[in-house]
Full PDB file with SEQRES, HELIX, SHEET, SSBOND, CRYST1, ORIGX, SCALE, CONECT and MASTER records, all heavy atoms in Angstrom:
SEQRES   1 A   42  PHE SER ASN VAL ASP LYS ALA SER VAL ALA GLY LYS ASN          
SEQRES   2 A   42  ILE SER ILE ILE SER VAL GLY TRP ASP PRO GLY LEU PHE          
SEQRES   3 A   42  SER LEU ASN ARG LEU TYR GLY GLN ALA ILE LEU PRO GLN          
SEQRES   4 A   42  GLY HIS ASP                                                  
HELIX    1 AA1 SER A    2  GLY A   11  1                                  10    
HELIX    2 AA2 LEU A   25  ILE A   36  1                                  12    
CRYST1    1.000    1.000    1.000  90.00  90.00  90.00 P 1           1          
ORIGX1      1.000000  0.000000  0.000000        0.00000                         
ORIGX2      0.000000  1.000000  0.000000        0.00000                         
ORIGX3      0.000000  0.000000  1.000000        0.00000                         
SCALE1      1.000000  0.000000  0.000000        0.00000                         
SCALE2      0.000000  1.000000  0.000000        0.00000                         
SCALE3      0.000000  0.000000  1.000000        0.00000                         
ATOM      1  N   PHE A   1     131.735  82.158  96.727  1.00  0.00           N  
ATOM      2  CA  PHE A   1     131.416  82.538  95.378  1.00  0.00           C  
ATOM      3  C   PHE A   1     132.673  82.408  94.467  1.00  0.00           C  
ATOM      4  O   PHE A   1     132.589  81.825  93.366  1.00  0.00           O  
ATOM      5  CB  PHE A   1     130.948  83.963  95.341  1.00  0.00           C  
ATOM      6  CG  PHE A   1     130.640  84.498  93.950  1.00  0.00           C  
ATOM      7  CD1 PHE A   1     129.364  84.429  93.438  1.00  0.00           C  
ATOM      8  CD2 PHE A   1     131.624  85.028  93.145  1.00  0.00           C  
ATOM      9  CE1 PHE A   1     129.068  84.908  92.168  1.00  0.00           C  
ATOM     10  CE2 PHE A   1     131.366  85.473  91.843  1.00  0.00           C  
ATOM     11  CZ  PHE A   1     130.058  85.417  91.395  1.00  0.00           C  
ATOM     12  N   SER A   2     133.804  82.872  94.960  1.00  0.00           N  
ATOM     13  CA  SER A   2     135.004  82.795  94.151  1.00  0.00           C  
ATOM     14  C   SER A   2     135.402  81.354  93.847  1.00  0.00           C  
ATOM     15  O   SER A   2     135.752  81.032  92.687  1.00  0.00           O  
ATOM     16  CB  SER A   2     136.162  83.482  94.930  1.00  0.00           C  
ATOM     17  OG  SER A   2     137.388  83.421  94.226  1.00  0.00           O  
ATOM     18  N   ASN A   3     135.311  80.494  94.844  1.00  0.00           N  
ATOM     19  CA  ASN A   3     135.707  79.094  94.660  1.00  0.00           C  
ATOM     20  C   ASN A   3     134.777  78.380  93.652  1.00  0.00           C  
ATOM     21  O   ASN A   3     135.185  77.629  92.778  1.00  0.00           O  
ATOM     22  CB  ASN A   3     135.702  78.331  95.969  1.00  0.00           C  
ATOM     23  CG  ASN A   3     136.791  78.851  96.875  1.00  0.00           C  
ATOM     24  OD1 ASN A   3     137.775  79.374  96.486  1.00  0.00           O  
ATOM     25  ND2 ASN A   3     136.593  78.640  98.188  1.00  0.00           N  
ATOM     26  N   VAL A   4     133.460  78.644  93.794  1.00  0.00           N  
ATOM     27  CA  VAL A   4     132.477  78.010  92.937  1.00  0.00           C  
ATOM     28  C   VAL A   4     132.582  78.553  91.509  1.00  0.00           C  
ATOM     29  O   VAL A   4     132.423  77.850  90.521  1.00  0.00           O  
ATOM     30  CB  VAL A   4     131.047  78.182  93.498  1.00  0.00           C  
ATOM     31  CG1 VAL A   4     130.013  77.598  92.542  1.00  0.00           C  
ATOM     32  CG2 VAL A   4     130.909  77.489  94.840  1.00  0.00           C  
ATOM     33  N   ASP A   5     132.819  79.866  91.404  1.00  0.00           N  
ATOM     34  CA  ASP A   5     132.914  80.492  90.079  1.00  0.00           C  
ATOM     35  C   ASP A   5     134.052  79.874  89.264  1.00  0.00           C  
ATOM     36  O   ASP A   5     133.887  79.582  88.093  1.00  0.00           O  
ATOM     37  CB  ASP A   5     133.125  81.957  90.230  1.00  0.00           C  
ATOM     38  CG  ASP A   5     133.032  82.746  88.880  1.00  0.00           C  
ATOM     39  OD1 ASP A   5     132.025  82.561  88.233  1.00  0.00           O  
ATOM     40  OD2 ASP A   5     133.989  83.444  88.589  1.00  0.00           O  
ATOM     41  N   LYS A   6     135.207  79.641  89.879  1.00  0.00           N  
ATOM     42  CA  LYS A   6     136.359  79.030  89.178  1.00  0.00           C  
ATOM     43  C   LYS A   6     135.976  77.659  88.629  1.00  0.00           C  
ATOM     44  O   LYS A   6     136.285  77.326  87.504  1.00  0.00           O  
ATOM     45  CB  LYS A   6     137.541  78.897  90.132  1.00  0.00           C  
ATOM     46  CG  LYS A   6     138.151  80.269  90.480  1.00  0.00           C  
ATOM     47  CD  LYS A   6     139.280  80.078  91.529  1.00  0.00           C  
ATOM     48  CE  LYS A   6     139.836  81.440  91.955  1.00  0.00           C  
ATOM     49  NZ  LYS A   6     140.866  81.269  93.046  1.00  0.00           N  
ATOM     50  N   ALA A   7     135.277  76.872  89.477  1.00  0.00           N  
ATOM     51  CA  ALA A   7     134.862  75.521  89.016  1.00  0.00           C  
ATOM     52  C   ALA A   7     133.846  75.579  87.918  1.00  0.00           C  
ATOM     53  O   ALA A   7     133.917  74.828  86.934  1.00  0.00           O  
ATOM     54  CB  ALA A   7     134.360  74.700  90.214  1.00  0.00           C  
ATOM     55  N   SER A   8     132.852  76.530  88.061  1.00  0.00           N  
ATOM     56  CA  SER A   8     131.814  76.626  87.037  1.00  0.00           C  
ATOM     57  C   SER A   8     132.373  77.097  85.741  1.00  0.00           C  
ATOM     58  O   SER A   8     131.986  76.622  84.636  1.00  0.00           O  
ATOM     59  CB  SER A   8     130.732  77.573  87.536  1.00  0.00           C  
ATOM     60  OG  SER A   8     130.085  77.059  88.713  1.00  0.00           O  
ATOM     61  N   VAL A   9     133.261  78.095  85.767  1.00  0.00           N  
ATOM     62  CA  VAL A   9     133.890  78.559  84.512  1.00  0.00           C  
ATOM     63  C   VAL A   9     134.679  77.429  83.846  1.00  0.00           C  
ATOM     64  O   VAL A   9     134.632  77.282  82.614  1.00  0.00           O  
ATOM     65  CB  VAL A   9     134.722  79.793  84.813  1.00  0.00           C  
ATOM     66  CG1 VAL A   9     135.566  80.155  83.592  1.00  0.00           C  
ATOM     67  CG2 VAL A   9     133.821  80.958  85.234  1.00  0.00           C  
ATOM     68  N   ALA A  10     135.417  76.715  84.644  1.00  0.00           N  
ATOM     69  CA  ALA A  10     136.227  75.615  84.070  1.00  0.00           C  
ATOM     70  C   ALA A  10     135.382  74.576  83.373  1.00  0.00           C  
ATOM     71  O   ALA A  10     135.722  74.048  82.330  1.00  0.00           O  
ATOM     72  CB  ALA A  10     137.054  74.964  85.199  1.00  0.00           C  
ATOM     73  N   GLY A  11     134.186  74.287  83.928  1.00  0.00           N  
ATOM     74  CA  GLY A  11     133.291  73.286  83.376  1.00  0.00           C  
ATOM     75  C   GLY A  11     132.262  73.868  82.439  1.00  0.00           C  
ATOM     76  O   GLY A  11     131.469  73.163  81.858  1.00  0.00           O  
ATOM     77  N   LYS A  12     132.233  75.253  82.327  1.00  0.00           N  
ATOM     78  CA  LYS A  12     131.250  75.968  81.541  1.00  0.00           C  
ATOM     79  C   LYS A  12     129.830  75.625  81.931  1.00  0.00           C  
ATOM     80  O   LYS A  12     128.954  75.312  81.108  1.00  0.00           O  
ATOM     81  CB  LYS A  12     131.474  75.711  80.030  1.00  0.00           C  
ATOM     82  CG  LYS A  12     132.777  76.366  79.500  1.00  0.00           C  
ATOM     83  CD  LYS A  12     132.869  76.370  78.015  1.00  0.00           C  
ATOM     84  CE  LYS A  12     134.146  77.109  77.578  1.00  0.00           C  
ATOM     85  NZ  LYS A  12     134.266  77.193  76.094  1.00  0.00           N  
ATOM     86  N   ASN A  13     129.607  75.604  83.281  1.00  0.00           N  
ATOM     87  CA  ASN A  13     128.316  75.331  83.885  1.00  0.00           C  
ATOM     88  C   ASN A  13     127.819  76.581  84.601  1.00  0.00           C  
ATOM     89  O   ASN A  13     128.605  77.498  84.951  1.00  0.00           O  
ATOM     90  CB  ASN A  13     128.386  74.159  84.838  1.00  0.00           C  
ATOM     91  CG  ASN A  13     128.662  72.880  84.070  1.00  0.00           C  
ATOM     92  OD1 ASN A  13     127.949  72.488  83.138  1.00  0.00           O  
ATOM     93  ND2 ASN A  13     129.706  72.137  84.501  1.00  0.00           N  
ATOM     94  N   ILE A  14     126.555  76.585  84.935  1.00  0.00           N  
ATOM     95  CA  ILE A  14     125.931  77.656  85.741  1.00  0.00           C  
ATOM     96  C   ILE A  14     125.821  77.185  87.164  1.00  0.00           C  
ATOM     97  O   ILE A  14     125.402  76.037  87.468  1.00  0.00           O  
ATOM     98  CB  ILE A  14     124.535  78.002  85.217  1.00  0.00           C  
ATOM     99  CG1 ILE A  14     124.611  78.925  83.978  1.00  0.00           C  
ATOM    100  CG2 ILE A  14     123.665  78.696  86.297  1.00  0.00           C  
ATOM    101  CD1 ILE A  14     124.985  80.348  84.347  1.00  0.00           C  
ATOM    102  N   SER A  15     126.188  78.030  88.123  1.00  0.00           N  
ATOM    103  CA  SER A  15     125.923  77.740  89.509  1.00  0.00           C  
ATOM    104  C   SER A  15     125.281  78.993  90.164  1.00  0.00           C  
ATOM    105  O   SER A  15     125.627  80.093  89.789  1.00  0.00           O  
ATOM    106  CB  SER A  15     127.232  77.410  90.262  1.00  0.00           C  
ATOM    107  OG  SER A  15     128.201  78.446  90.032  1.00  0.00           O  
ATOM    108  N   ILE A  16     124.353  78.762  91.055  1.00  0.00           N  
ATOM    109  CA  ILE A  16     123.708  79.855  91.752  1.00  0.00           C  
ATOM    110  C   ILE A  16     123.821  79.531  93.260  1.00  0.00           C  
ATOM    111  O   ILE A  16     123.309  78.481  93.732  1.00  0.00           O  
ATOM    112  CB  ILE A  16     122.246  80.062  91.396  1.00  0.00           C  
ATOM    113  CG1 ILE A  16     122.061  80.159  89.873  1.00  0.00           C  
ATOM    114  CG2 ILE A  16     121.696  81.346  92.038  1.00  0.00           C  
ATOM    115  CD1 ILE A  16     120.642  80.308  89.406  1.00  0.00           C  
ATOM    116  N   ILE A  17     124.508  80.318  94.013  1.00  0.00           N  
ATOM    117  CA  ILE A  17     124.779  80.051  95.436  1.00  0.00           C  
ATOM    118  C   ILE A  17     123.970  80.976  96.342  1.00  0.00           C  
ATOM    119  O   ILE A  17     123.418  81.981  95.936  1.00  0.00           O  
ATOM    120  CB  ILE A  17     126.263  80.211  95.762  1.00  0.00           C  
ATOM    121  CG1 ILE A  17     126.713  81.695  95.642  1.00  0.00           C  
ATOM    122  CG2 ILE A  17     127.133  79.278  94.928  1.00  0.00           C  
ATOM    123  CD1 ILE A  17     127.967  82.018  96.457  1.00  0.00           C  
ATOM    124  N   SER A  18     123.875  80.516  97.617  1.00  0.00           N  
ATOM    125  CA  SER A  18     123.221  81.303  98.708  1.00  0.00           C  
ATOM    126  C   SER A  18     121.780  81.630  98.332  1.00  0.00           C  
ATOM    127  O   SER A  18     121.326  82.754  98.518  1.00  0.00           O  
ATOM    128  CB  SER A  18     124.039  82.551  98.994  1.00  0.00           C  
ATOM    129  OG  SER A  18     125.351  82.193  99.380  1.00  0.00           O  
ATOM    130  N   VAL A  19     121.081  80.604  97.877  1.00  0.00           N  
ATOM    131  CA  VAL A  19     119.683  80.758  97.485  1.00  0.00           C  
ATOM    132  C   VAL A  19     118.753  80.318  98.643  1.00  0.00           C  
ATOM    133  O   VAL A  19     118.967  79.284  99.244  1.00  0.00           O  
ATOM    134  CB  VAL A  19     119.348  79.884  96.255  1.00  0.00           C  
ATOM    135  CG1 VAL A  19     117.870  79.893  95.951  1.00  0.00           C  
ATOM    136  CG2 VAL A  19     120.175  80.372  95.060  1.00  0.00           C  
ATOM    137  N   GLY A  20     117.804  81.152  98.998  1.00  0.00           N  
ATOM    138  CA  GLY A  20     116.902  80.853 100.106  1.00  0.00           C  
ATOM    139  C   GLY A  20     116.123  82.113 100.431  1.00  0.00           C  
ATOM    140  O   GLY A  20     115.841  82.919  99.563  1.00  0.00           O  
ATOM    141  N   TRP A  21     115.851  82.326 101.719  1.00  0.00           N  
ATOM    142  CA  TRP A  21     115.115  83.543 102.062  1.00  0.00           C  
ATOM    143  C   TRP A  21     116.035  84.526 102.799  1.00  0.00           C  
ATOM    144  O   TRP A  21     115.878  85.730 102.711  1.00  0.00           O  
ATOM    145  CB  TRP A  21     113.840  83.262 102.860  1.00  0.00           C  
ATOM    146  CG  TRP A  21     113.912  82.509 104.105  1.00  0.00           C  
ATOM    147  CD1 TRP A  21     113.942  81.136 104.275  1.00  0.00           C  
ATOM    148  CD2 TRP A  21     113.954  83.029 105.463  1.00  0.00           C  
ATOM    149  NE1 TRP A  21     113.997  80.824 105.601  1.00  0.00           N  
ATOM    150  CE2 TRP A  21     113.983  81.959 106.332  1.00  0.00           C  
ATOM    151  CE3 TRP A  21     113.936  84.336 105.968  1.00  0.00           C  
ATOM    152  CZ2 TRP A  21     114.023  82.137 107.724  1.00  0.00           C  
ATOM    153  CZ3 TRP A  21     114.002  84.515 107.341  1.00  0.00           C  
ATOM    154  CH2 TRP A  21     114.045  83.435 108.208  1.00  0.00           C  
ATOM    155  N   ASP A  22     117.067  84.050 103.510  1.00  0.00           N  
ATOM    156  CA  ASP A  22     118.098  84.955 104.017  1.00  0.00           C  
ATOM    157  C   ASP A  22     119.375  84.141 104.311  1.00  0.00           C  
ATOM    158  O   ASP A  22     119.424  83.467 105.316  1.00  0.00           O  
ATOM    159  CB  ASP A  22     117.629  85.700 105.268  1.00  0.00           C  
ATOM    160  CG  ASP A  22     118.522  86.961 105.484  1.00  0.00           C  
ATOM    161  OD1 ASP A  22     119.445  87.196 104.705  1.00  0.00           O  
ATOM    162  OD2 ASP A  22     118.222  87.711 106.444  1.00  0.00           O  
ATOM    163  N   PRO A  23     120.325  84.207 103.430  1.00  0.00           N  
ATOM    164  CA  PRO A  23     120.439  85.006 102.214  1.00  0.00           C  
ATOM    165  C   PRO A  23     119.473  84.553 101.125  1.00  0.00           C  
ATOM    166  O   PRO A  23     119.114  83.371 101.088  1.00  0.00           O  
ATOM    167  CB  PRO A  23     121.909  84.845 101.793  1.00  0.00           C  
ATOM    168  CG  PRO A  23     122.267  83.490 102.300  1.00  0.00           C  
ATOM    169  CD  PRO A  23     121.541  83.356 103.609  1.00  0.00           C  
ATOM    170  N   GLY A  24     119.125  85.458 100.260  1.00  0.00           N  
ATOM    171  CA  GLY A  24     118.207  85.135  99.177  1.00  0.00           C  
ATOM    172  C   GLY A  24     117.146  86.263  99.010  1.00  0.00           C  
ATOM    173  O   GLY A  24     117.473  87.418  98.641  1.00  0.00           O  
ATOM    174  N   LEU A  25     115.880  85.930  99.318  1.00  0.00           N  
ATOM    175  CA  LEU A  25     114.824  86.893  99.110  1.00  0.00           C  
ATOM    176  C   LEU A  25     114.985  88.169  99.963  1.00  0.00           C  
ATOM    177  O   LEU A  25     114.747  89.291  99.521  1.00  0.00           O  
ATOM    178  CB  LEU A  25     113.489  86.255  99.388  1.00  0.00           C  
ATOM    179  CG  LEU A  25     113.124  85.032  98.568  1.00  0.00           C  
ATOM    180  CD1 LEU A  25     111.709  84.512  98.885  1.00  0.00           C  
ATOM    181  CD2 LEU A  25     113.229  85.296  97.058  1.00  0.00           C  
ATOM    182  N   PHE A  26     115.446  87.978 101.209  1.00  0.00           N  
ATOM    183  CA  PHE A  26     115.675  89.132 102.037  1.00  0.00           C  
ATOM    184  C   PHE A  26     116.806  90.000 101.491  1.00  0.00           C  
ATOM    185  O   PHE A  26     116.780  91.206 101.574  1.00  0.00           O  
ATOM    186  CB  PHE A  26     116.019  88.693 103.490  1.00  0.00           C  
ATOM    187  CG  PHE A  26     114.822  88.484 104.402  1.00  0.00           C  
ATOM    188  CD1 PHE A  26     113.570  88.322 103.831  1.00  0.00           C  
ATOM    189  CD2 PHE A  26     114.943  88.406 105.738  1.00  0.00           C  
ATOM    190  CE1 PHE A  26     112.441  88.107 104.652  1.00  0.00           C  
ATOM    191  CE2 PHE A  26     113.883  88.213 106.586  1.00  0.00           C  
ATOM    192  CZ  PHE A  26     112.618  88.068 106.037  1.00  0.00           C  
ATOM    193  N   SER A  27     117.833  89.342 100.915  1.00  0.00           N  
ATOM    194  CA  SER A  27     118.912  90.071 100.323  1.00  0.00           C  
ATOM    195  C   SER A  27     118.446  90.961  99.168  1.00  0.00           C  
ATOM    196  O   SER A  27     118.831  92.132  99.057  1.00  0.00           O  
ATOM    197  CB  SER A  27     119.995  89.119  99.783  1.00  0.00           C  
ATOM    198  OG  SER A  27     120.341  88.077 100.723  1.00  0.00           O  
ATOM    199  N   LEU A  28     117.563  90.409  98.344  1.00  0.00           N  
ATOM    200  CA  LEU A  28     116.980  91.171  97.247  1.00  0.00           C  
ATOM    201  C   LEU A  28     116.222  92.390  97.734  1.00  0.00           C  
ATOM    202  O   LEU A  28     116.305  93.496  97.208  1.00  0.00           O  
ATOM    203  CB  LEU A  28     116.053  90.298  96.458  1.00  0.00           C  
ATOM    204  CG  LEU A  28     116.640  89.330  95.413  1.00  0.00           C  
ATOM    205  CD1 LEU A  28     115.582  88.406  94.851  1.00  0.00           C  
ATOM    206  CD2 LEU A  28     117.363  90.088  94.335  1.00  0.00           C  
ATOM    207  N   ASN A  29     115.475  92.218  98.809  1.00  0.00           N  
ATOM    208  CA  ASN A  29     114.687  93.310  99.334  1.00  0.00           C  
ATOM    209  C   ASN A  29     115.517  94.365 100.013  1.00  0.00           C  
ATOM    210  O   ASN A  29     115.193  95.574  99.951  1.00  0.00           O  
ATOM    211  CB  ASN A  29     113.606  92.791 100.312  1.00  0.00           C  
ATOM    212  CG  ASN A  29     112.443  92.191  99.532  1.00  0.00           C  
ATOM    213  OD1 ASN A  29     111.518  92.930  99.134  1.00  0.00           O  
ATOM    214  ND2 ASN A  29     112.449  90.910  99.268  1.00  0.00           N  
ATOM    215  N   ARG A  30     116.659  93.964 100.608  1.00  0.00           N  
ATOM    216  CA  ARG A  30     117.618  94.963 101.098  1.00  0.00           C  
ATOM    217  C   ARG A  30     118.191  95.778  99.952  1.00  0.00           C  
ATOM    218  O   ARG A  30     118.348  96.996  99.992  1.00  0.00           O  
ATOM    219  CB  ARG A  30     118.735  94.308 101.934  1.00  0.00           C  
ATOM    220  CG  ARG A  30     118.248  93.831 103.274  1.00  0.00           C  
ATOM    221  CD  ARG A  30     119.382  93.334 104.151  1.00  0.00           C  
ATOM    222  NE  ARG A  30     119.881  92.046 103.778  1.00  0.00           N  
ATOM    223  CZ  ARG A  30     119.513  90.882 104.329  1.00  0.00           C  
ATOM    224  NH1 ARG A  30     118.618  90.860 105.288  1.00  0.00           N  
ATOM    225  NH2 ARG A  30     120.052  89.754 103.928  1.00  0.00           N  
ATOM    226  N   LEU A  31     118.510  95.059  98.825  1.00  0.00           N  
ATOM    227  CA  LEU A  31     119.075  95.770  97.614  1.00  0.00           C  
ATOM    228  C   LEU A  31     118.026  96.751  97.061  1.00  0.00           C  
ATOM    229  O   LEU A  31     118.353  97.900  96.779  1.00  0.00           O  
ATOM    230  CB  LEU A  31     119.470  94.714  96.590  1.00  0.00           C  
ATOM    231  CG  LEU A  31     120.102  95.196  95.290  1.00  0.00           C  
ATOM    232  CD1 LEU A  31     121.011  94.116  94.705  1.00  0.00           C  
ATOM    233  CD2 LEU A  31     119.102  95.632  94.253  1.00  0.00           C  
ATOM    234  N   TYR A  32     116.779  96.285  96.883  1.00  0.00           N  
ATOM    235  CA  TYR A  32     115.742  97.182  96.340  1.00  0.00           C  
ATOM    236  C   TYR A  32     115.547  98.367  97.242  1.00  0.00           C  
ATOM    237  O   TYR A  32     115.481  99.515  96.766  1.00  0.00           O  
ATOM    238  CB  TYR A  32     114.388  96.410  96.223  1.00  0.00           C  
ATOM    239  CG  TYR A  32     114.317  95.440  95.110  1.00  0.00           C  
ATOM    240  CD1 TYR A  32     113.717  94.162  95.305  1.00  0.00           C  
ATOM    241  CD2 TYR A  32     114.766  95.722  93.850  1.00  0.00           C  
ATOM    242  CE1 TYR A  32     113.650  93.249  94.292  1.00  0.00           C  
ATOM    243  CE2 TYR A  32     114.682  94.808  92.807  1.00  0.00           C  
ATOM    244  CZ  TYR A  32     114.094  93.595  93.034  1.00  0.00           C  
ATOM    245  OH  TYR A  32     113.998  92.664  92.038  1.00  0.00           O  
ATOM    246  N   GLY A  33     115.536  98.152  98.555  1.00  0.00           N  
ATOM    247  CA  GLY A  33     115.340  99.262  99.453  1.00  0.00           C  
ATOM    248  C   GLY A  33     116.430 100.306  99.378  1.00  0.00           C  
ATOM    249  O   GLY A  33     116.164 101.550  99.348  1.00  0.00           O  
ATOM    250  N   GLN A  34     117.695  99.867  99.347  1.00  0.00           N  
ATOM    251  CA  GLN A  34     118.790 100.805  99.241  1.00  0.00           C  
ATOM    252  C   GLN A  34     118.808 101.556  97.931  1.00  0.00           C  
ATOM    253  O   GLN A  34     119.122 102.762  97.883  1.00  0.00           O  
ATOM    254  CB  GLN A  34     120.127 100.072  99.431  1.00  0.00           C  
ATOM    255  CG  GLN A  34     120.331  99.554 100.878  1.00  0.00           C  
ATOM    256  CD  GLN A  34     121.689  98.880 101.012  1.00  0.00           C  
ATOM    257  OE1 GLN A  34     122.569  98.976 100.151  1.00  0.00           O  
ATOM    258  NE2 GLN A  34     121.870  98.167 102.110  1.00  0.00           N  
ATOM    259  N   ALA A  35     118.477 100.820  96.800  1.00  0.00           N  
ATOM    260  CA  ALA A  35     118.469 101.479  95.496  1.00  0.00           C  
ATOM    261  C   ALA A  35     117.386 102.514  95.377  1.00  0.00           C  
ATOM    262  O   ALA A  35     117.556 103.581  94.811  1.00  0.00           O  
ATOM    263  CB  ALA A  35     118.304 100.424  94.434  1.00  0.00           C  
ATOM    264  N   ILE A  36     116.208 102.249  95.954  1.00  0.00           N  
ATOM    265  CA  ILE A  36     115.051 103.121  95.844  1.00  0.00           C  
ATOM    266  C   ILE A  36     115.092 104.276  96.837  1.00  0.00           C  
ATOM    267  O   ILE A  36     114.740 105.447  96.532  1.00  0.00           O  
ATOM    268  CB  ILE A  36     113.763 102.333  96.008  1.00  0.00           C  
ATOM    269  CG1 ILE A  36     113.612 101.318  94.858  1.00  0.00           C  
ATOM    270  CG2 ILE A  36     112.521 103.237  96.062  1.00  0.00           C  
ATOM    271  CD1 ILE A  36     112.619 100.187  95.142  1.00  0.00           C  
ATOM    272  N   LEU A  37     115.535 103.978  98.079  1.00  0.00           N  
ATOM    273  CA  LEU A  37     115.636 105.037  99.115  1.00  0.00           C  
ATOM    274  C   LEU A  37     117.104 105.165  99.598  1.00  0.00           C  
ATOM    275  O   LEU A  37     117.442 104.641 100.671  1.00  0.00           O  
ATOM    276  CB  LEU A  37     114.723 104.677 100.284  1.00  0.00           C  
ATOM    277  CG  LEU A  37     113.215 104.652  99.994  1.00  0.00           C  
ATOM    278  CD1 LEU A  37     112.477 104.165 101.234  1.00  0.00           C  
ATOM    279  CD2 LEU A  37     112.755 106.063  99.596  1.00  0.00           C  
ATOM    280  N   PRO A  38     117.970 105.820  98.821  1.00  0.00           N  
ATOM    281  CA  PRO A  38     119.347 105.883  99.217  1.00  0.00           C  
ATOM    282  C   PRO A  38     119.585 106.636 100.506  1.00  0.00           C  
ATOM    283  O   PRO A  38     120.571 106.416 101.239  1.00  0.00           O  
ATOM    284  CB  PRO A  38     120.049 106.562  98.061  1.00  0.00           C  
ATOM    285  CG  PRO A  38     118.923 107.270  97.301  1.00  0.00           C  
ATOM    286  CD  PRO A  38     117.719 106.433  97.529  1.00  0.00           C  
ATOM    287  N   GLN A  39     118.638 107.573 100.825  1.00  0.00           N  
ATOM    288  CA  GLN A  39     118.677 108.275 102.118  1.00  0.00           C  
ATOM    289  C   GLN A  39     117.826 107.510 103.121  1.00  0.00           C  
ATOM    290  O   GLN A  39     116.664 107.747 103.295  1.00  0.00           O  
ATOM    291  CB  GLN A  39     118.147 109.704 101.963  1.00  0.00           C  
ATOM    292  CG  GLN A  39     118.980 110.610 101.110  1.00  0.00           C  
ATOM    293  CD  GLN A  39     120.287 110.972 101.800  1.00  0.00           C  
ATOM    294  OE1 GLN A  39     121.305 110.418 101.441  1.00  0.00           O  
ATOM    295  NE2 GLN A  39     120.206 111.850 102.757  1.00  0.00           N  
ATOM    296  N   GLY A  40     118.439 106.501 103.792  1.00  0.00           N  
ATOM    297  CA  GLY A  40     117.660 105.697 104.718  1.00  0.00           C  
ATOM    298  C   GLY A  40     118.475 104.673 105.469  1.00  0.00           C  
ATOM    299  O   GLY A  40     119.731 104.727 105.430  1.00  0.00           O  
ATOM    300  N   HIS A  41     117.790 103.810 106.144  1.00  0.00           N  
ATOM    301  CA  HIS A  41     118.407 102.796 106.976  1.00  0.00           C  
ATOM    302  C   HIS A  41     117.729 101.419 106.732  1.00  0.00           C  
ATOM    303  O   HIS A  41     116.532 101.356 106.510  1.00  0.00           O  
ATOM    304  CB  HIS A  41     118.280 103.129 108.452  1.00  0.00           C  
ATOM    305  CG  HIS A  41     118.990 104.390 108.850  1.00  0.00           C  
ATOM    306  ND1 HIS A  41     118.435 105.658 108.649  1.00  0.00           N  
ATOM    307  CD2 HIS A  41     120.164 104.605 109.447  1.00  0.00           C  
ATOM    308  CE1 HIS A  41     119.283 106.568 109.086  1.00  0.00           C  
ATOM    309  NE2 HIS A  41     120.343 105.954 109.567  1.00  0.00           N  
ATOM    310  N   ASP A  42     118.564 100.400 106.785  1.00  0.00           N  
ATOM    311  CA  ASP A  42     118.085  98.967 106.701  1.00  0.00           C  
ATOM    312  C   ASP A  42     117.823  98.427 108.120  1.00  0.00           C  
ATOM    313  O   ASP A  42     118.556  98.704 109.027  1.00  0.00           O  
ATOM    314  CB  ASP A  42     119.136  98.097 106.035  1.00  0.00           C  
ATOM    315  CG  ASP A  42     119.328  98.373 104.571  1.00  0.00           C  
ATOM    316  OD1 ASP A  42     118.310  98.758 103.930  1.00  0.00           O  
ATOM    317  OD2 ASP A  42     120.416  98.148 104.074  1.00  0.00           O  
TER     318      ASP A  42                                                      
MASTER        0    0    0    2    0    0    0    6  317    1    0    4          
END                                                                             
């Protein structure tokens, strides 16, 4: 992320990394789960 961000900022472009289902959609669902049920386990 850090390496790509430096290049994207320099060129004023958008980059989205680690897109897929894991990492990606599964990552989102882990985030939602922790945010909604802070007393719990993944």
